Amino acid sequence: MKTTLSNEHKNTLNLIADIGGTNIRIAQVTAKAEHADIDSMGIDISAIETYQCKRFTSLAKVLAHYIEVKALASYSINACFAIACPVDQDLISMTNLPWQFSQKELQQALKLNSLTFINDYTAIAMAIPLLSDNQKVKIGGGTSVAGKAISVCGPGTGLGVANLVPVSLSGKNQWHCISGEGGHIDFAAINDTEQQVMNFIQGFKKRVSYEQLLSGYGLEQVYQALLFINKGKEMATVNDKLAAKEITSKAINGSCELCQQTLTLFCNVLGSFAGNLALIMNSQGGVYIAGGIVPRFIDYLKASDFRARFEAKGRLSYITEQTPTYVITEEQPGLLGAAAYVLQK
């Protein structure tokens, strides 16, 4: 959905935001080379401000505050906002905030020339072609091929998945994001231990998806499963339960063998899942790992069988062997992706 208002006699400005449940980051963006392809034009993001959402009663209030403080009222503003919730309907209700608003009414209230909302994983995907070597870490071999499909998955609160495919419009190369619910596809156990973990989760879940293992609560479920398996029929007590952050911390510092087993299984399953994405999309541009979990233990991931499991695809292993894998280390890819989106549009 995109509406354009009159911008006669006004200078144009691009406004972007990354809207989370706790903070909202707002900035302005310009292209260094206006007619270049999005991944070669270069992007300048400036006037970045971070606000605590709880200090404002609505999204309109915080955006109006930024526009007033930065003296932008005289500009014709094209806006693109990344937000962690569905955006395919006019009415948006945020999950972790009491903010509910109409996209059309918000545009009219702020007198924006155009307004586009994109899902947070669309923003992360759009940011990938713009990442420098300092904003990502390569895991294992493979070489990315320019102009080929790119996939991204991100263990976090859930398991986000998105894909980028190259398109050409009016002779200009662009990227189109294909999002979906790939994190909810059926989990496939590779060995006996994973089968036992799957059986444990099936004891209280009707269906086991990859998200049931590859997420914050997934880590906790894997830990509980391995604890149950190691103890035989003796059930884990409440005191045995650990939060995802505790599991990763104890695994990294080597203070808990069971936590190490949990994190190792997590890394290995992530490798298999990422390899599946590479096969589905033939992601010769690379498969990227995003989210708030994996960047905490990149060295642990490298030492695991992540890459071996990524490549182990039978007679089609030649595809995954030549496909590179990366962990995104850029802390705020949402703004970068929103910038890419609005400039491309």
C-alpha atoms as a PDB file:
ATOM      1  CA  MET A   1       0.000   0.000   0.000  1.00  0.00           C
ATOM      2  CA  LYS A   2       1.450   3.343  -1.012  1.00  0.00           C
ATOM      3  CA  THR A   3      -0.204   6.752  -1.353  1.00  0.00           C
ATOM      4  CA  THR A   4       1.424   9.852  -2.762  1.00  0.00           C
ATOM      5  CA  LEU A   5       0.536  13.420  -1.798  1.00  0.00           C
ATOM      6  CA  SER A   6       1.406  16.612  -3.624  1.00  0.00           C
ATOM      7  CA  ASN A   7       5.046  17.634  -3.181  1.00  0.00           C
ATOM      8  CA  GLU A   8       5.045  20.718  -5.390  1.00  0.00           C
ATOM      9  CA  HIS A   9       7.634  23.345  -4.365  1.00  0.00           C
ATOM     10  CA  LYS A  10       9.025  21.082  -1.624  1.00  0.00           C
ATOM     11  CA  ASN A  11      12.413  19.472  -1.165  1.00  0.00           C
ATOM     12  CA  THR A  12      12.199  15.676  -0.868  1.00  0.00           C
ATOM     13  CA  LEU A  13      13.523  13.790   2.150  1.00  0.00           C
ATOM     14  CA  ASN A  14      13.650  10.043   2.927  1.00  0.00           C
ATOM     15  CA  LEU A  15      12.708   9.077   6.478  1.00  0.00           C
ATOM     16  CA  ILE A  16      13.316   5.588   7.903  1.00  0.00           C
ATOM     17  CA  ALA A  17      12.624   3.868  11.209  1.00  0.00           C
ATOM     18  CA  ASP A  18      13.183   0.534  12.915  1.00  0.00           C
ATOM     19  CA  ILE A  19      10.302   0.004  15.336  1.00  0.00           C
ATOM     20  CA  GLY A  20      10.736  -2.499  18.139  1.00  0.00           C
ATOM     21  CA  GLY A  21       8.840  -3.281  21.307  1.00  0.00           C
ATOM     22  CA  THR A  22      11.289  -1.343  23.485  1.00  0.00           C
ATOM     23  CA  ASN A  23      12.994   1.240  21.264  1.00  0.00           C
ATOM     24  CA  ILE A  24      12.378   3.018  17.991  1.00  0.00           C
ATOM     25  CA  ARG A  25      15.267   4.304  15.894  1.00  0.00           C
ATOM     26  CA  ILE A  26      14.514   7.048  13.388  1.00  0.00           C
ATOM     27  CA  ALA A  27      16.878   8.474  10.787  1.00  0.00           C
ATOM     28  CA  GLN A  28      17.196  10.190   7.415  1.00  0.00           C
ATOM     29  CA  VAL A  29      18.763   8.565   4.372  1.00  0.00           C
ATOM     30  CA  THR A  30      20.173   9.630   1.026  1.00  0.00           C
ATOM     31  CA  ALA A  31      21.836   7.774  -1.838  1.00  0.00           C
ATOM     32  CA  LYS A  32      25.412   8.629  -2.761  1.00  0.00           C
ATOM     33  CA  ALA A  33      24.748   7.749  -6.413  1.00  0.00           C
ATOM     34  CA  GLU A  34      21.113   8.300  -7.324  1.00  0.00           C
ATOM     35  CA  HIS A  35      20.879   6.193 -10.493  1.00  0.00           C
ATOM     36  CA  ALA A  36      23.059   3.249  -9.419  1.00  0.00           C
ATOM     37  CA  ASP A  37      21.813  -0.210  -8.468  1.00  0.00           C
ATOM     38  CA  ILE A  38      20.866  -0.454  -4.796  1.00  0.00           C
ATOM     39  CA  ASP A  39      23.866  -2.595  -3.813  1.00  0.00           C
ATOM     40  CA  SER A  40      26.363  -0.243  -5.466  1.00  0.00           C
ATOM     41  CA  MET A  41      24.875   3.210  -4.909  1.00  0.00           C
ATOM     42  CA  GLY A  42      26.124   3.659  -1.348  1.00  0.00           C
ATOM     43  CA  ILE A  43      23.867   4.930   1.419  1.00  0.00           C
ATOM     44  CA  ASP A  44      24.235   7.794   3.872  1.00  0.00           C
ATOM     45  CA  ILE A  45      22.175   7.384   7.062  1.00  0.00           C
ATOM     46  CA  SER A  46      22.167  10.492   9.234  1.00  0.00           C
ATOM     47  CA  ALA A  47      20.378  12.242  12.106  1.00  0.00           C
ATOM     48  CA  ILE A  48      19.808   8.924  13.922  1.00  0.00           C
ATOM     49  CA  GLU A  49      17.772   9.214  17.104  1.00  0.00           C
ATOM     50  CA  THR A  50      16.691   6.448  19.479  1.00  0.00           C
ATOM     51  CA  TYR A  51      13.567   6.821  21.611  1.00  0.00           C
ATOM     52  CA  GLN A  52      12.034   4.615  24.282  1.00  0.00           C
ATOM     53  CA  CYS A  53       8.615   3.584  23.057  1.00  0.00           C
ATOM     54  CA  LYS A  54       7.095   3.627  26.550  1.00  0.00           C
ATOM     55  CA  ARG A  55       7.620   7.399  26.715  1.00  0.00           C
ATOM     56  CA  PHE A  56       5.080   7.937  23.932  1.00  0.00           C
ATOM     57  CA  THR A  57       1.405   7.055  23.723  1.00  0.00           C
ATOM     58  CA  SER A  58       1.481   6.314  20.003  1.00  0.00           C
ATOM     59  CA  LEU A  59       3.734   5.907  16.989  1.00  0.00           C
ATOM     60  CA  ALA A  60       2.355   9.149  15.545  1.00  0.00           C
ATOM     61  CA  LYS A  61       3.519  11.057  18.642  1.00  0.00           C
ATOM     62  CA  VAL A  62       7.133   9.907  18.471  1.00  0.00           C
ATOM     63  CA  LEU A  63       7.363  10.473  14.710  1.00  0.00           C
ATOM     64  CA  ALA A  64       5.807  13.929  15.049  1.00  0.00           C
ATOM     65  CA  HIS A  65       8.329  14.703  17.773  1.00  0.00           C
ATOM     66  CA  TYR A  66      11.247  13.736  15.509  1.00  0.00           C
ATOM     67  CA  ILE A  67       9.866  15.771  12.593  1.00  0.00           C
ATOM     68  CA  GLU A  68       9.448  18.813  14.851  1.00  0.00           C
ATOM     69  CA  VAL A  69      12.870  18.561  16.511  1.00  0.00           C
ATOM     70  CA  LYS A  70      14.638  18.090  13.159  1.00  0.00           C
ATOM     71  CA  ALA A  71      12.563  20.877  11.529  1.00  0.00           C
ATOM     72  CA  LEU A  72      11.353  18.666   8.684  1.00  0.00           C
ATOM     73  CA  ALA A  73       7.791  19.966   8.319  1.00  0.00           C
ATOM     74  CA  SER A  74       8.624  21.891   5.145  1.00  0.00           C
ATOM     75  CA  TYR A  75       9.936  18.776   3.362  1.00  0.00           C
ATOM     76  CA  SER A  76       8.091  16.293   1.174  1.00  0.00           C
ATOM     77  CA  ILE A  77       8.800  13.126   3.164  1.00  0.00           C
ATOM     78  CA  ASN A  78       8.960   9.600   1.752  1.00  0.00           C
ATOM     79  CA  ALA A  79       8.942   7.187   4.695  1.00  0.00           C
ATOM     80  CA  CYS A  80       9.751   3.497   5.122  1.00  0.00           C
ATOM     81  CA  PHE A  81       9.347   1.879   8.537  1.00  0.00           C
ATOM     82  CA  ALA A  82      10.422  -1.630   9.562  1.00  0.00           C
ATOM     83  CA  ILE A  83       8.211  -3.183  12.220  1.00  0.00           C
ATOM     84  CA  ALA A  84       8.074  -6.608  13.898  1.00  0.00           C
ATOM     85  CA  CYS A  85       4.489  -7.526  13.016  1.00  0.00           C
ATOM     86  CA  PRO A  86       2.306  -8.229   9.959  1.00  0.00           C
ATOM     87  CA  VAL A  87       1.930  -5.232   7.638  1.00  0.00           C
ATOM     88  CA  ASP A  88      -0.413  -6.531   4.926  1.00  0.00           C
ATOM     89  CA  GLN A  89      -3.497  -4.856   6.422  1.00  0.00           C
ATOM     90  CA  ASP A  90      -4.126  -1.134   6.908  1.00  0.00           C
ATOM     91  CA  LEU A  91      -4.659  -1.549  10.653  1.00  0.00           C
ATOM     92  CA  ILE A  92      -1.487  -2.441  12.544  1.00  0.00           C
ATOM     93  CA  SER A  93      -1.532  -3.675  16.159  1.00  0.00           C
ATOM     94  CA  MET A  94       1.852  -4.104  17.795  1.00  0.00           C
ATOM     95  CA  THR A  95       2.406  -7.251  19.835  1.00  0.00           C
ATOM     96  CA  ASN A  96       4.507  -5.839  22.663  1.00  0.00           C
ATOM     97  CA  LEU A  97       3.120  -2.296  22.766  1.00  0.00           C
ATOM     98  CA  PRO A  98      -0.380  -0.814  23.167  1.00  0.00           C
ATOM     99  CA  TRP A  99       0.075   0.911  19.814  1.00  0.00           C
ATOM    100  CA  GLN A 100      -2.621   0.430  17.198  1.00  0.00           C
ATOM    101  CA  PHE A 101      -2.947   2.610  14.121  1.00  0.00           C
ATOM    102  CA  SER A 102      -4.147   2.895  10.549  1.00  0.00           C
ATOM    103  CA  GLN A 103      -1.372   3.271   7.992  1.00  0.00           C
ATOM    104  CA  LYS A 104      -3.492   5.652   5.913  1.00  0.00           C
ATOM    105  CA  GLU A 105      -4.426   7.796   8.897  1.00  0.00           C
ATOM    106  CA  LEU A 106      -0.810   7.910  10.076  1.00  0.00           C
ATOM    107  CA  GLN A 107       0.321   9.135   6.664  1.00  0.00           C
ATOM    108  CA  GLN A 108      -2.339  11.827   6.632  1.00  0.00           C
ATOM    109  CA  ALA A 109      -1.668  12.946  10.213  1.00  0.00           C
ATOM    110  CA  LEU A 110       2.067  13.371   9.542  1.00  0.00           C
ATOM    111  CA  LYS A 111       1.480  14.797   6.029  1.00  0.00           C
ATOM    112  CA  LEU A 112       3.868  12.300   4.459  1.00  0.00           C
ATOM    113  CA  ASN A 113       4.262  12.202   0.692  1.00  0.00           C
ATOM    114  CA  SER A 114       4.477   8.394   0.824  1.00  0.00           C
ATOM    115  CA  LEU A 115       4.526   5.778   3.574  1.00  0.00           C
ATOM    116  CA  THR A 116       5.557   2.127   3.396  1.00  0.00           C
ATOM    117  CA  PHE A 117       5.664  -0.379   6.245  1.00  0.00           C
ATOM    118  CA  ILE A 118       7.792  -3.506   5.848  1.00  0.00           C
ATOM    119  CA  ASN A 119       8.183  -6.529   8.095  1.00  0.00           C
ATOM    120  CA  ASP A 120      11.355  -6.582  10.192  1.00  0.00           C
ATOM    121  CA  TYR A 121      12.702  -9.640   8.319  1.00  0.00           C
ATOM    122  CA  THR A 122      12.085  -7.981   4.987  1.00  0.00           C
ATOM    123  CA  ALA A 123      14.263  -5.150   6.306  1.00  0.00           C
ATOM    124  CA  ILE A 124      16.994  -7.548   7.436  1.00  0.00           C
ATOM    125  CA  ALA A 125      16.975  -9.268   4.047  1.00  0.00           C
ATOM    126  CA  MET A 126      17.121  -5.949   2.180  1.00  0.00           C
ATOM    127  CA  ALA A 127      20.155  -4.943   4.247  1.00  0.00           C
ATOM    128  CA  ILE A 128      22.243  -7.968   3.233  1.00  0.00           C
ATOM    129  CA  PRO A 129      23.550  -6.725  -0.155  1.00  0.00           C
ATOM    130  CA  LEU A 130      24.795  -3.582   1.619  1.00  0.00           C
ATOM    131  CA  LEU A 131      26.734  -5.311   4.414  1.00  0.00           C
ATOM    132  CA  SER A 132      30.474  -4.736   4.546  1.00  0.00           C
ATOM    133  CA  ASP A 133      32.971  -7.352   5.725  1.00  0.00           C
ATOM    134  CA  ASN A 134      32.929  -5.615   9.115  1.00  0.00           C
ATOM    135  CA  GLN A 135      29.188  -6.292   9.447  1.00  0.00           C
ATOM    136  CA  LYS A 136      29.280 -10.055   8.882  1.00  0.00           C
ATOM    137  CA  VAL A 137      31.438 -13.087   9.667  1.00  0.00           C
ATOM    138  CA  LYS A 138      31.954 -15.899   7.189  1.00  0.00           C
ATOM    139  CA  ILE A 139      31.549 -19.471   8.432  1.00  0.00           C
ATOM    140  CA  GLY A 140      33.384 -22.093   6.373  1.00  0.00           C
ATOM    141  CA  GLY A 141      33.947 -22.165   2.612  1.00  0.00           C
ATOM    142  CA  GLY A 142      31.970 -21.258  -0.460  1.00  0.00           C
ATOM    143  CA  THR A 143      31.997 -18.142  -2.612  1.00  0.00           C
ATOM    144  CA  SER A 144      29.027 -15.853  -3.202  1.00  0.00           C
ATOM    145  CA  VAL A 145      27.916 -15.286  -6.778  1.00  0.00           C
ATOM    146  CA  ALA A 146      26.767 -11.774  -7.667  1.00  0.00           C
ATOM    147  CA  GLY A 147      23.168 -11.461  -8.773  1.00  0.00           C
ATOM    148  CA  LYS A 148      22.093 -14.815  -7.320  1.00  0.00           C
ATOM    149  CA  ALA A 149      19.430 -15.531  -4.701  1.00  0.00           C
ATOM    150  CA  ILE A 150      20.193 -14.875  -1.024  1.00  0.00           C
ATOM    151  CA  SER A 151      18.533 -16.526   1.990  1.00  0.00           C
ATOM    152  CA  VAL A 152      18.453 -15.444   5.626  1.00  0.00           C
ATOM    153  CA  CYS A 153      17.219 -17.132   8.777  1.00  0.00           C
ATOM    154  CA  GLY A 154      17.305 -15.836  12.309  1.00  0.00           C
ATOM    155  CA  PRO A 155      16.837 -17.728  15.577  1.00  0.00           C
ATOM    156  CA  GLY A 156      15.464 -15.303  18.159  1.00  0.00           C
ATOM    157  CA  THR A 157      12.062 -15.088  19.781  1.00  0.00           C
ATOM    158  CA  GLY A 158      11.030 -17.326  16.881  1.00  0.00           C
ATOM    159  CA  LEU A 159      12.766 -18.448  13.690  1.00  0.00           C
ATOM    160  CA  GLY A 160      12.484 -15.824  10.969  1.00  0.00           C
ATOM    161  CA  VAL A 161      13.123 -16.639   7.312  1.00  0.00           C
ATOM    162  CA  ALA A 162      13.279 -14.487   4.172  1.00  0.00           C
ATOM    163  CA  ASN A 163      14.787 -14.672   0.697  1.00  0.00           C
ATOM    164  CA  LEU A 164      16.079 -12.103  -1.778  1.00  0.00           C
ATOM    165  CA  VAL A 165      15.873 -12.598  -5.516  1.00  0.00           C
ATOM    166  CA  PRO A 166      17.329 -10.238  -8.138  1.00  0.00           C
ATOM    167  CA  VAL A 167      14.942  -8.520 -10.550  1.00  0.00           C
ATOM    168  CA  SER A 168      15.440  -6.025 -13.349  1.00  0.00           C
ATOM    169  CA  LEU A 169      12.963  -3.183 -13.789  1.00  0.00           C
ATOM    170  CA  SER A 170      13.373  -0.672 -16.599  1.00  0.00           C
ATOM    171  CA  GLY A 171      16.980  -1.748 -17.008  1.00  0.00           C
ATOM    172  CA  LYS A 172      17.769  -1.224 -13.315  1.00  0.00           C
ATOM    173  CA  ASN A 173      18.844  -4.113 -11.108  1.00  0.00           C
ATOM    174  CA  GLN A 174      16.904  -4.399  -7.860  1.00  0.00           C
ATOM    175  CA  TRP A 175      16.214  -6.905  -5.094  1.00  0.00           C
ATOM    176  CA  HIS A 176      12.803  -8.361  -4.301  1.00  0.00           C
ATOM    177  CA  CYS A 177      12.174  -9.928  -0.895  1.00  0.00           C
ATOM    178  CA  ILE A 178      10.115 -13.115  -0.628  1.00  0.00           C
ATOM    179  CA  SER A 179       9.092 -13.605   2.979  1.00  0.00           C
ATOM    180  CA  GLY A 180       7.192 -16.488   4.513  1.00  0.00           C
ATOM    181  CA  GLU A 181       6.987 -18.792   7.520  1.00  0.00           C
ATOM    182  CA  GLY A 182       9.895 -21.109   6.743  1.00  0.00           C
ATOM    183  CA  GLY A 183      10.743 -21.500  10.424  1.00  0.00           C
ATOM    184  CA  HIS A 184       7.567 -23.544  10.863  1.00  0.00           C
ATOM    185  CA  ILE A 185       8.389 -26.343   8.435  1.00  0.00           C
ATOM    186  CA  ASP A 186       8.601 -29.855   9.911  1.00  0.00           C
ATOM    187  CA  PHE A 187      11.761 -30.667  11.839  1.00  0.00           C
ATOM    188  CA  ALA A 188      13.757 -33.617  10.481  1.00  0.00           C
ATOM    189  CA  ALA A 189      15.990 -35.508  12.917  1.00  0.00           C
ATOM    190  CA  ILE A 190      19.375 -36.555  11.507  1.00  0.00           C
ATOM    191  CA  ASN A 191      20.584 -38.906  14.275  1.00  0.00           C
ATOM    192  CA  ASP A 192      19.346 -40.850  17.305  1.00  0.00           C
ATOM    193  CA  THR A 193      19.859 -37.985  19.756  1.00  0.00           C
ATOM    194  CA  GLU A 194      17.848 -35.575  17.639  1.00  0.00           C
ATOM    195  CA  GLN A 195      15.133 -38.212  17.276  1.00  0.00           C
ATOM    196  CA  GLN A 196      14.963 -38.528  21.065  1.00  0.00           C
ATOM    197  CA  VAL A 197      14.774 -34.748  21.415  1.00  0.00           C
ATOM    198  CA  MET A 198      11.964 -34.696  18.859  1.00  0.00           C
ATOM    199  CA  ASN A 199      10.119 -37.460  20.747  1.00  0.00           C
ATOM    200  CA  PHE A 200      10.445 -35.473  23.988  1.00  0.00           C
ATOM    201  CA  ILE A 201       8.989 -32.298  22.443  1.00  0.00           C
ATOM    202  CA  GLN A 202       6.186 -34.335  20.874  1.00  0.00           C
ATOM    203  CA  GLY A 203       5.194 -35.277  24.404  1.00  0.00           C
ATOM    204  CA  PHE A 204       3.676 -31.801  24.803  1.00  0.00           C
ATOM    205  CA  LYS A 205       3.528 -30.463  21.228  1.00  0.00           C
ATOM    206  CA  LYS A 206       1.329 -31.954  18.514  1.00  0.00           C
ATOM    207  CA  ARG A 207       3.857 -30.990  15.849  1.00  0.00           C
ATOM    208  CA  VAL A 208       7.587 -30.249  15.955  1.00  0.00           C
ATOM    209  CA  SER A 209       8.849 -27.535  13.624  1.00  0.00           C
ATOM    210  CA  TYR A 210      12.405 -26.240  13.327  1.00  0.00           C
ATOM    211  CA  GLU A 211      11.380 -23.239  15.432  1.00  0.00           C
ATOM    212  CA  GLN A 212      10.772 -25.637  18.335  1.00  0.00           C
ATOM    213  CA  LEU A 213      14.559 -26.115  18.448  1.00  0.00           C
ATOM    214  CA  LEU A 214      16.010 -23.047  16.715  1.00  0.00           C
ATOM    215  CA  SER A 215      14.808 -20.199  18.931  1.00  0.00           C
ATOM    216  CA  GLY A 216      15.246 -18.920  22.467  1.00  0.00           C
ATOM    217  CA  TYR A 217      12.558 -21.188  23.861  1.00  0.00           C
ATOM    218  CA  GLY A 218      13.831 -23.886  21.487  1.00  0.00           C
ATOM    219  CA  LEU A 219      17.196 -23.867  23.251  1.00  0.00           C
ATOM    220  CA  GLU A 220      15.394 -24.310  26.549  1.00  0.00           C
ATOM    221  CA  GLN A 221      13.330 -27.220  25.182  1.00  0.00           C
ATOM    222  CA  VAL A 222      16.438 -28.947  23.829  1.00  0.00           C
ATOM    223  CA  TYR A 223      18.121 -28.564  27.234  1.00  0.00           C
ATOM    224  CA  GLN A 224      15.096 -30.070  28.986  1.00  0.00           C
ATOM    225  CA  ALA A 225      15.009 -32.918  26.473  1.00  0.00           C
ATOM    226  CA  LEU A 226      18.696 -33.769  26.939  1.00  0.00           C
ATOM    227  CA  LEU A 227      18.297 -33.529  30.703  1.00  0.00           C
ATOM    228  CA  PHE A 228      15.401 -36.002  30.551  1.00  0.00           C
ATOM    229  CA  ILE A 229      17.339 -38.315  28.214  1.00  0.00           C
ATOM    230  CA  ASN A 230      20.433 -38.287  30.469  1.00  0.00           C
ATOM    231  CA  LYS A 231      18.385 -38.956  33.594  1.00  0.00           C
ATOM    232  CA  GLY A 232      16.409 -41.766  32.076  1.00  0.00           C
ATOM    233  CA  LYS A 233      12.872 -41.775  33.410  1.00  0.00           C
ATOM    234  CA  GLU A 234      13.586 -39.251  36.161  1.00  0.00           C
ATOM    235  CA  MET A 235      11.884 -35.974  35.264  1.00  0.00           C
ATOM    236  CA  ALA A 236      13.724 -32.668  35.506  1.00  0.00           C
ATOM    237  CA  THR A 237      12.854 -30.511  38.492  1.00  0.00           C
ATOM    238  CA  VAL A 238      12.003 -26.809  38.402  1.00  0.00           C
ATOM    239  CA  ASN A 239      15.480 -26.014  39.718  1.00  0.00           C
ATOM    240  CA  ASP A 240      17.008 -27.765  36.708  1.00  0.00           C
ATOM    241  CA  LYS A 241      15.408 -25.369  34.236  1.00  0.00           C
ATOM    242  CA  LEU A 242      17.663 -22.784  32.627  1.00  0.00           C
ATOM    243  CA  ALA A 243      16.888 -19.765  30.478  1.00  0.00           C
ATOM    244  CA  ALA A 244      18.359 -19.560  26.972  1.00  0.00           C
ATOM    245  CA  LYS A 245      20.941 -16.929  27.980  1.00  0.00           C
ATOM    246  CA  GLU A 246      22.114 -19.101  30.875  1.00  0.00           C
ATOM    247  CA  ILE A 247      22.450 -22.113  28.610  1.00  0.00           C
ATOM    248  CA  THR A 248      24.587 -20.246  26.076  1.00  0.00           C
ATOM    249  CA  SER A 249      26.727 -18.616  28.784  1.00  0.00           C
ATOM    250  CA  LYS A 250      27.425 -21.897  30.592  1.00  0.00           C
ATOM    251  CA  ALA A 251      28.164 -23.638  27.282  1.00  0.00           C
ATOM    252  CA  ILE A 252      30.621 -20.963  26.179  1.00  0.00           C
ATOM    253  CA  ASN A 253      32.525 -20.832  29.485  1.00  0.00           C
ATOM    254  CA  GLY A 254      32.546 -24.637  29.745  1.00  0.00           C
ATOM    255  CA  SER A 255      30.905 -24.772  33.171  1.00  0.00           C
ATOM    256  CA  CYS A 256      28.082 -27.117  32.149  1.00  0.00           C
ATOM    257  CA  GLU A 257      28.529 -30.170  29.936  1.00  0.00           C
ATOM    258  CA  LEU A 258      24.794 -30.498  29.316  1.00  0.00           C
ATOM    259  CA  CYS A 259      24.640 -26.867  28.181  1.00  0.00           C
ATOM    260  CA  GLN A 260      27.484 -27.580  25.778  1.00  0.00           C
ATOM    261  CA  GLN A 261      25.589 -30.574  24.398  1.00  0.00           C
ATOM    262  CA  THR A 262      22.521 -28.349  24.005  1.00  0.00           C
ATOM    263  CA  LEU A 263      24.335 -25.579  22.164  1.00  0.00           C
ATOM    264  CA  THR A 264      26.202 -28.052  19.963  1.00  0.00           C
ATOM    265  CA  LEU A 265      22.949 -29.700  18.918  1.00  0.00           C
ATOM    266  CA  PHE A 266      21.464 -26.248  18.250  1.00  0.00           C
ATOM    267  CA  CYS A 267      24.387 -25.308  15.971  1.00  0.00           C
ATOM    268  CA  ASN A 268      24.243 -28.614  14.106  1.00  0.00           C
ATOM    269  CA  VAL A 269      20.486 -28.437  13.504  1.00  0.00           C
ATOM    270  CA  LEU A 270      20.883 -24.830  12.370  1.00  0.00           C
ATOM    271  CA  GLY A 271      23.405 -26.040   9.794  1.00  0.00           C
ATOM    272  CA  SER A 272      20.954 -28.567   8.387  1.00  0.00           C
ATOM    273  CA  PHE A 273      18.145 -26.002   8.271  1.00  0.00           C
ATOM    274  CA  ALA A 274      20.317 -23.353   6.585  1.00  0.00           C
ATOM    275  CA  GLY A 275      21.411 -25.954   4.044  1.00  0.00           C
ATOM    276  CA  ASN A 276      17.760 -26.695   3.287  1.00  0.00           C
ATOM    277  CA  LEU A 277      17.233 -23.007   2.501  1.00  0.00           C
ATOM    278  CA  ALA A 278      20.206 -23.089   0.145  1.00  0.00           C
ATOM    279  CA  LEU A 279      18.655 -26.016  -1.737  1.00  0.00           C
ATOM    280  CA  ILE A 280      15.159 -24.484  -1.891  1.00  0.00           C
ATOM    281  CA  MET A 281      16.316 -21.159  -3.341  1.00  0.00           C
ATOM    282  CA  ASN A 282      19.655 -22.233  -4.876  1.00  0.00           C
ATOM    283  CA  SER A 283      21.059 -19.424  -2.750  1.00  0.00           C
ATOM    284  CA  GLN A 284      24.383 -18.943  -4.506  1.00  0.00           C
ATOM    285  CA  GLY A 285      24.461 -15.394  -3.156  1.00  0.00           C
ATOM    286  CA  GLY A 286      24.865 -16.867   0.314  1.00  0.00           C
ATOM    287  CA  VAL A 287      22.870 -17.972   3.336  1.00  0.00           C
ATOM    288  CA  TYR A 288      22.916 -15.531   6.251  1.00  0.00           C
ATOM    289  CA  ILE A 289      22.213 -16.083   9.938  1.00  0.00           C
ATOM    290  CA  ALA A 290      20.553 -13.163  11.712  1.00  0.00           C
ATOM    291  CA  GLY A 291      18.708 -12.769  15.013  1.00  0.00           C
ATOM    292  CA  GLY A 292      19.800 -12.006  18.550  1.00  0.00           C
ATOM    293  CA  ILE A 293      21.094 -15.445  19.542  1.00  0.00           C
ATOM    294  CA  VAL A 294      23.854 -16.688  17.223  1.00  0.00           C
ATOM    295  CA  PRO A 295      26.091 -13.554  17.196  1.00  0.00           C
ATOM    296  CA  ARG A 296      26.802 -14.278  20.889  1.00  0.00           C
ATOM    297  CA  PHE A 297      28.724 -17.481  20.097  1.00  0.00           C
ATOM    298  CA  ILE A 298      30.221 -17.230  16.610  1.00  0.00           C
ATOM    299  CA  ASP A 299      33.427 -19.052  17.608  1.00  0.00           C
ATOM    300  CA  TYR A 300      31.353 -21.863  19.104  1.00  0.00           C
ATOM    301  CA  LEU A 301      29.387 -22.079  15.859  1.00  0.00           C
ATOM    302  CA  LYS A 302      32.611 -22.306  13.858  1.00  0.00           C
ATOM    303  CA  ALA A 303      33.869 -25.161  16.061  1.00  0.00           C
ATOM    304  CA  SER A 304      30.602 -27.112  15.721  1.00  0.00           C
ATOM    305  CA  ASP A 305      29.407 -29.244  12.807  1.00  0.00           C
ATOM    306  CA  PHE A 306      27.296 -26.334  11.518  1.00  0.00           C
ATOM    307  CA  ARG A 307      29.113 -26.112   8.205  1.00  0.00           C
ATOM    308  CA  ALA A 308      29.445 -29.883   7.798  1.00  0.00           C
ATOM    309  CA  ARG A 309      25.708 -30.302   8.330  1.00  0.00           C
ATOM    310  CA  PHE A 310      25.045 -27.382   5.965  1.00  0.00           C
ATOM    311  CA  GLU A 311      26.974 -29.148   3.209  1.00  0.00           C
ATOM    312  CA  ALA A 312      25.734 -32.698   3.886  1.00  0.00           C
ATOM    313  CA  LYS A 313      22.974 -32.881   1.267  1.00  0.00           C
ATOM    314  CA  GLY A 314      23.790 -36.176  -0.459  1.00  0.00           C
ATOM    315  CA  ARG A 315      24.179 -36.029  -4.219  1.00  0.00           C
ATOM    316  CA  LEU A 316      23.286 -32.323  -4.162  1.00  0.00           C
ATOM    317  CA  SER A 317      26.063 -31.455  -1.708  1.00  0.00           C
ATOM    318  CA  TYR A 318      27.943 -29.720  -4.508  1.00  0.00           C
ATOM    319  CA  ILE A 319      25.355 -26.919  -4.284  1.00  0.00           C
ATOM    320  CA  THR A 320      25.810 -26.295  -0.567  1.00  0.00           C
ATOM    321  CA  GLU A 321      29.580 -26.800  -0.693  1.00  0.00           C
ATOM    322  CA  GLN A 322      29.919 -23.805  -3.000  1.00  0.00           C
ATOM    323  CA  THR A 323      27.335 -21.709  -1.108  1.00  0.00           C
ATOM    324  CA  PRO A 324      28.873 -19.393   1.529  1.00  0.00           C
ATOM    325  CA  THR A 325      27.371 -18.917   4.990  1.00  0.00           C
ATOM    326  CA  TYR A 326      27.620 -15.792   7.132  1.00  0.00           C
ATOM    327  CA  VAL A 327      26.543 -14.511  10.530  1.00  0.00           C
ATOM    328  CA  ILE A 328      25.267 -10.924  10.469  1.00  0.00           C
ATOM    329  CA  THR A 329      27.027  -8.898  13.161  1.00  0.00           C
ATOM    330  CA  GLU A 330      25.523  -5.506  12.305  1.00  0.00           C
ATOM    331  CA  GLU A 331      23.557  -4.629  15.444  1.00  0.00           C
ATOM    332  CA  GLN A 332      20.790  -2.698  13.696  1.00  0.00           C
ATOM    333  CA  PRO A 333      20.191  -4.090  10.204  1.00  0.00           C
ATOM    334  CA  GLY A 334      16.593  -2.838  10.325  1.00  0.00           C
ATOM    335  CA  LEU A 335      17.513   0.779   9.564  1.00  0.00           C
ATOM    336  CA  LEU A 336      19.874  -0.255   6.792  1.00  0.00           C
ATOM    337  CA  GLY A 337      17.219  -2.467   5.217  1.00  0.00           C
ATOM    338  CA  ALA A 338      14.543   0.220   5.466  1.00  0.00           C
ATOM    339  CA  ALA A 339      16.968   2.638   3.802  1.00  0.00           C
ATOM    340  CA  ALA A 340      17.616   0.190   0.962  1.00  0.00           C
ATOM    341  CA  TYR A 341      13.893  -0.369   0.513  1.00  0.00           C
ATOM    342  CA  VAL A 342      12.868   3.280   0.361  1.00  0.00           C
ATOM    343  CA  LEU A 343      15.719   4.248  -1.971  1.00  0.00           C
ATOM    344  CA  GLN A 344      15.010   1.314  -4.273  1.00  0.00           C
ATOM    345  CA  LYS A 345      11.334   2.314  -4.431  1.00  0.00           C
END
